[in-house]
């Protein structure tokens, strides 16, 4: 099942990551990097569909 950002709630871990990433980029004044990014998420594979966001999500999970 795929959760689309804005249409359905993301699972808690994915939502926490989304909040973290947005806040982190805002603090660095790089929030514009997310302007054309979507947080489309596949709950079956626990992955974001955007490759860049997924790469950061993977690192975030490892570091947690």
N, C-alpha and C. Protein backbone atom coordinates (compact mmCIF):
# COMPACT_ATOMS: atom_id res chain seq x y z
N UNK A 1 0.84 -1.18 0.00
CA UNK A 1 0.00 0.00 0.00
C UNK A 1 0.89 1.24 0.00
N UNK A 2 0.52 2.23 -0.76
CA UNK A 2 1.29 3.47 -0.83
C UNK A 2 0.52 4.58 -0.14
N UNK A 3 1.20 5.29 0.72
CA UNK A 3 0.64 6.47 1.36
C UNK A 3 1.16 7.69 0.61
N UNK A 4 0.28 8.54 0.22
CA UNK A 4 0.69 9.77 -0.47
C UNK A 4 0.63 10.91 0.53
N UNK A 5 1.69 11.65 0.62
CA UNK A 5 1.77 12.79 1.53
C UNK A 5 0.61 13.75 1.27
N UNK A 6 -0.05 14.14 2.32
CA UNK A 6 -1.16 15.08 2.19
C UNK A 6 -2.51 14.40 2.02
N UNK A 7 -2.52 13.17 1.58
CA UNK A 7 -3.78 12.45 1.39
C UNK A 7 -4.03 11.47 2.53
N UNK A 8 -2.99 10.84 3.03
CA UNK A 8 -3.10 9.87 4.12
C UNK A 8 -2.00 10.14 5.13
N UNK A 9 -2.19 9.62 6.30
CA UNK A 9 -1.18 9.75 7.33
C UNK A 9 -0.02 8.81 7.03
N UNK A 10 1.19 9.32 7.21
CA UNK A 10 2.37 8.47 7.10
C UNK A 10 2.51 7.65 8.38
N UNK A 11 3.13 6.47 8.30
CA UNK A 11 3.44 5.74 9.53
C UNK A 11 4.30 6.62 10.44
N UNK A 12 4.27 6.36 11.74
CA UNK A 12 4.92 7.24 12.71
C UNK A 12 6.40 7.48 12.40
N UNK A 13 7.16 6.43 12.11
CA UNK A 13 8.59 6.60 11.85
C UNK A 13 8.83 7.46 10.61
N UNK A 14 8.08 7.24 9.56
CA UNK A 14 8.24 8.02 8.34
C UNK A 14 7.83 9.47 8.57
N UNK A 15 6.78 9.69 9.34
CA UNK A 15 6.34 11.05 9.65
C UNK A 15 7.38 11.78 10.50
N UNK A 16 7.96 11.07 11.47
CA UNK A 16 9.01 11.68 12.29
C UNK A 16 10.21 12.08 11.44
N UNK A 17 10.56 11.25 10.47
CA UNK A 17 11.66 11.57 9.57
C UNK A 17 11.32 12.81 8.73
N UNK A 18 10.14 12.86 8.21
CA UNK A 18 9.71 14.01 7.38
C UNK A 18 9.82 15.30 8.19
N UNK A 19 9.34 15.29 9.41
CA UNK A 19 9.42 16.46 10.28
C UNK A 19 10.87 16.82 10.56
N UNK A 20 11.69 15.81 10.87
CA UNK A 20 13.11 16.05 11.14
C UNK A 20 13.79 16.68 9.93
N UNK A 21 13.60 16.11 8.76
CA UNK A 21 14.28 16.61 7.56
C UNK A 21 13.88 18.04 7.25
N UNK A 22 12.59 18.32 7.33
CA UNK A 22 12.13 19.69 7.06
C UNK A 22 12.72 20.67 8.06
N UNK A 23 12.70 20.33 9.34
CA UNK A 23 13.25 21.22 10.36
C UNK A 23 14.75 21.40 10.20
N UNK A 24 15.45 20.34 9.88
CA UNK A 24 16.90 20.40 9.68
C UNK A 24 17.25 21.34 8.53
N UNK A 25 16.56 21.19 7.42
CA UNK A 25 16.84 22.03 6.26
C UNK A 25 16.44 23.48 6.50
N UNK A 26 15.39 23.72 7.27
CA UNK A 26 14.99 25.09 7.60
C UNK A 26 16.08 25.75 8.43
N UNK A 27 16.64 25.04 9.39
CA UNK A 27 17.69 25.60 10.24
C UNK A 27 18.93 25.97 9.43
N UNK A 28 19.19 25.24 8.37
CA UNK A 28 20.35 25.51 7.52
C UNK A 28 20.04 26.44 6.36
N UNK A 29 18.81 26.93 6.29
CA UNK A 29 18.33 27.77 5.19
C UNK A 29 18.41 27.05 3.84
N UNK A 30 18.16 25.77 3.85
CA UNK A 30 18.15 24.97 2.62
C UNK A 30 16.77 24.35 2.36
N UNK A 31 15.73 24.90 2.96
CA UNK A 31 14.40 24.32 2.78
C UNK A 31 13.95 24.32 1.32
N UNK A 32 14.55 25.19 0.51
CA UNK A 32 14.21 25.23 -0.91
C UNK A 32 14.54 23.90 -1.62
N UNK A 33 15.43 23.10 -1.02
CA UNK A 33 15.77 21.81 -1.62
C UNK A 33 14.57 20.87 -1.68
N UNK A 34 13.57 21.14 -0.86
CA UNK A 34 12.37 20.30 -0.84
C UNK A 34 11.24 20.86 -1.70
N UNK A 35 11.48 21.99 -2.36
CA UNK A 35 10.42 22.64 -3.13
C UNK A 35 9.77 21.72 -4.16
N UNK A 36 10.55 20.93 -4.84
CA UNK A 36 9.99 20.06 -5.88
C UNK A 36 9.98 18.60 -5.47
N UNK A 37 10.19 18.34 -4.19
CA UNK A 37 10.21 16.96 -3.69
C UNK A 37 8.86 16.61 -3.08
N UNK A 38 8.49 15.36 -3.22
CA UNK A 38 7.28 14.87 -2.57
C UNK A 38 7.67 13.75 -1.62
N UNK A 39 6.89 13.58 -0.61
CA UNK A 39 7.15 12.54 0.38
C UNK A 39 6.23 11.34 0.13
N UNK A 40 6.16 10.91 -1.12
CA UNK A 40 5.39 9.72 -1.45
C UNK A 40 6.08 8.52 -0.84
N UNK A 41 5.29 7.66 -0.20
CA UNK A 41 5.84 6.60 0.64
C UNK A 41 5.16 5.27 0.34
N UNK A 42 5.94 4.22 0.27
CA UNK A 42 5.44 2.86 0.09
C UNK A 42 5.59 2.12 1.41
N UNK A 43 4.48 1.85 2.07
CA UNK A 43 4.53 1.23 3.39
C UNK A 43 4.93 -0.24 3.34
N UNK A 44 4.72 -0.89 2.22
CA UNK A 44 5.08 -2.30 2.11
C UNK A 44 6.60 -2.47 2.16
N UNK A 45 7.31 -1.62 1.45
CA UNK A 45 8.77 -1.71 1.43
C UNK A 45 9.43 -0.73 2.40
N UNK A 46 8.64 0.06 3.13
CA UNK A 46 9.14 1.08 4.06
C UNK A 46 10.14 1.98 3.36
N UNK A 47 9.72 2.54 2.23
CA UNK A 47 10.60 3.40 1.44
C UNK A 47 9.83 4.60 0.89
N UNK A 48 10.55 5.70 0.80
CA UNK A 48 10.02 6.85 0.08
C UNK A 48 10.33 6.64 -1.40
N UNK A 49 9.45 7.08 -2.27
CA UNK A 49 9.61 6.83 -3.70
C UNK A 49 10.63 7.76 -4.34
N UNK A 50 10.85 8.92 -3.75
CA UNK A 50 11.88 9.84 -4.24
C UNK A 50 13.25 9.32 -3.78
N UNK A 51 14.16 9.10 -4.71
CA UNK A 51 15.46 8.50 -4.40
C UNK A 51 16.28 9.34 -3.42
N UNK A 52 16.25 10.66 -3.56
CA UNK A 52 17.01 11.52 -2.66
C UNK A 52 16.47 11.44 -1.24
N UNK A 53 15.17 11.53 -1.11
CA UNK A 53 14.55 11.45 0.22
C UNK A 53 14.79 10.07 0.82
N UNK A 54 14.70 9.03 0.01
CA UNK A 54 14.94 7.67 0.51
C UNK A 54 16.37 7.51 1.00
N UNK A 55 17.33 8.09 0.32
CA UNK A 55 18.73 7.99 0.75
C UNK A 55 18.89 8.61 2.13
N UNK A 56 18.31 9.79 2.36
CA UNK A 56 18.39 10.42 3.68
C UNK A 56 17.62 9.61 4.73
N UNK A 57 16.48 9.05 4.35
CA UNK A 57 15.68 8.23 5.26
C UNK A 57 16.47 7.01 5.69
N UNK A 58 17.14 6.37 4.77
CA UNK A 58 17.96 5.19 5.08
C UNK A 58 19.05 5.54 6.10
N UNK A 59 19.75 6.64 5.87
CA UNK A 59 20.79 7.07 6.80
C UNK A 59 20.19 7.43 8.17
N UNK A 60 19.05 8.06 8.17
CA UNK A 60 18.38 8.46 9.40
C UNK A 60 18.00 7.23 10.23
N UNK A 61 17.50 6.19 9.56
CA UNK A 61 17.13 4.96 10.26
C UNK A 61 18.36 4.30 10.88
N UNK A 62 19.45 4.26 10.13
CA UNK A 62 20.69 3.64 10.62
C UNK A 62 21.22 4.40 11.84
N UNK A 63 21.13 5.72 11.80
CA UNK A 63 21.67 6.55 12.88
C UNK A 63 20.79 6.51 14.12
N UNK A 64 19.53 6.16 13.96
CA UNK A 64 18.58 6.18 15.09
C UNK A 64 18.82 5.07 16.07
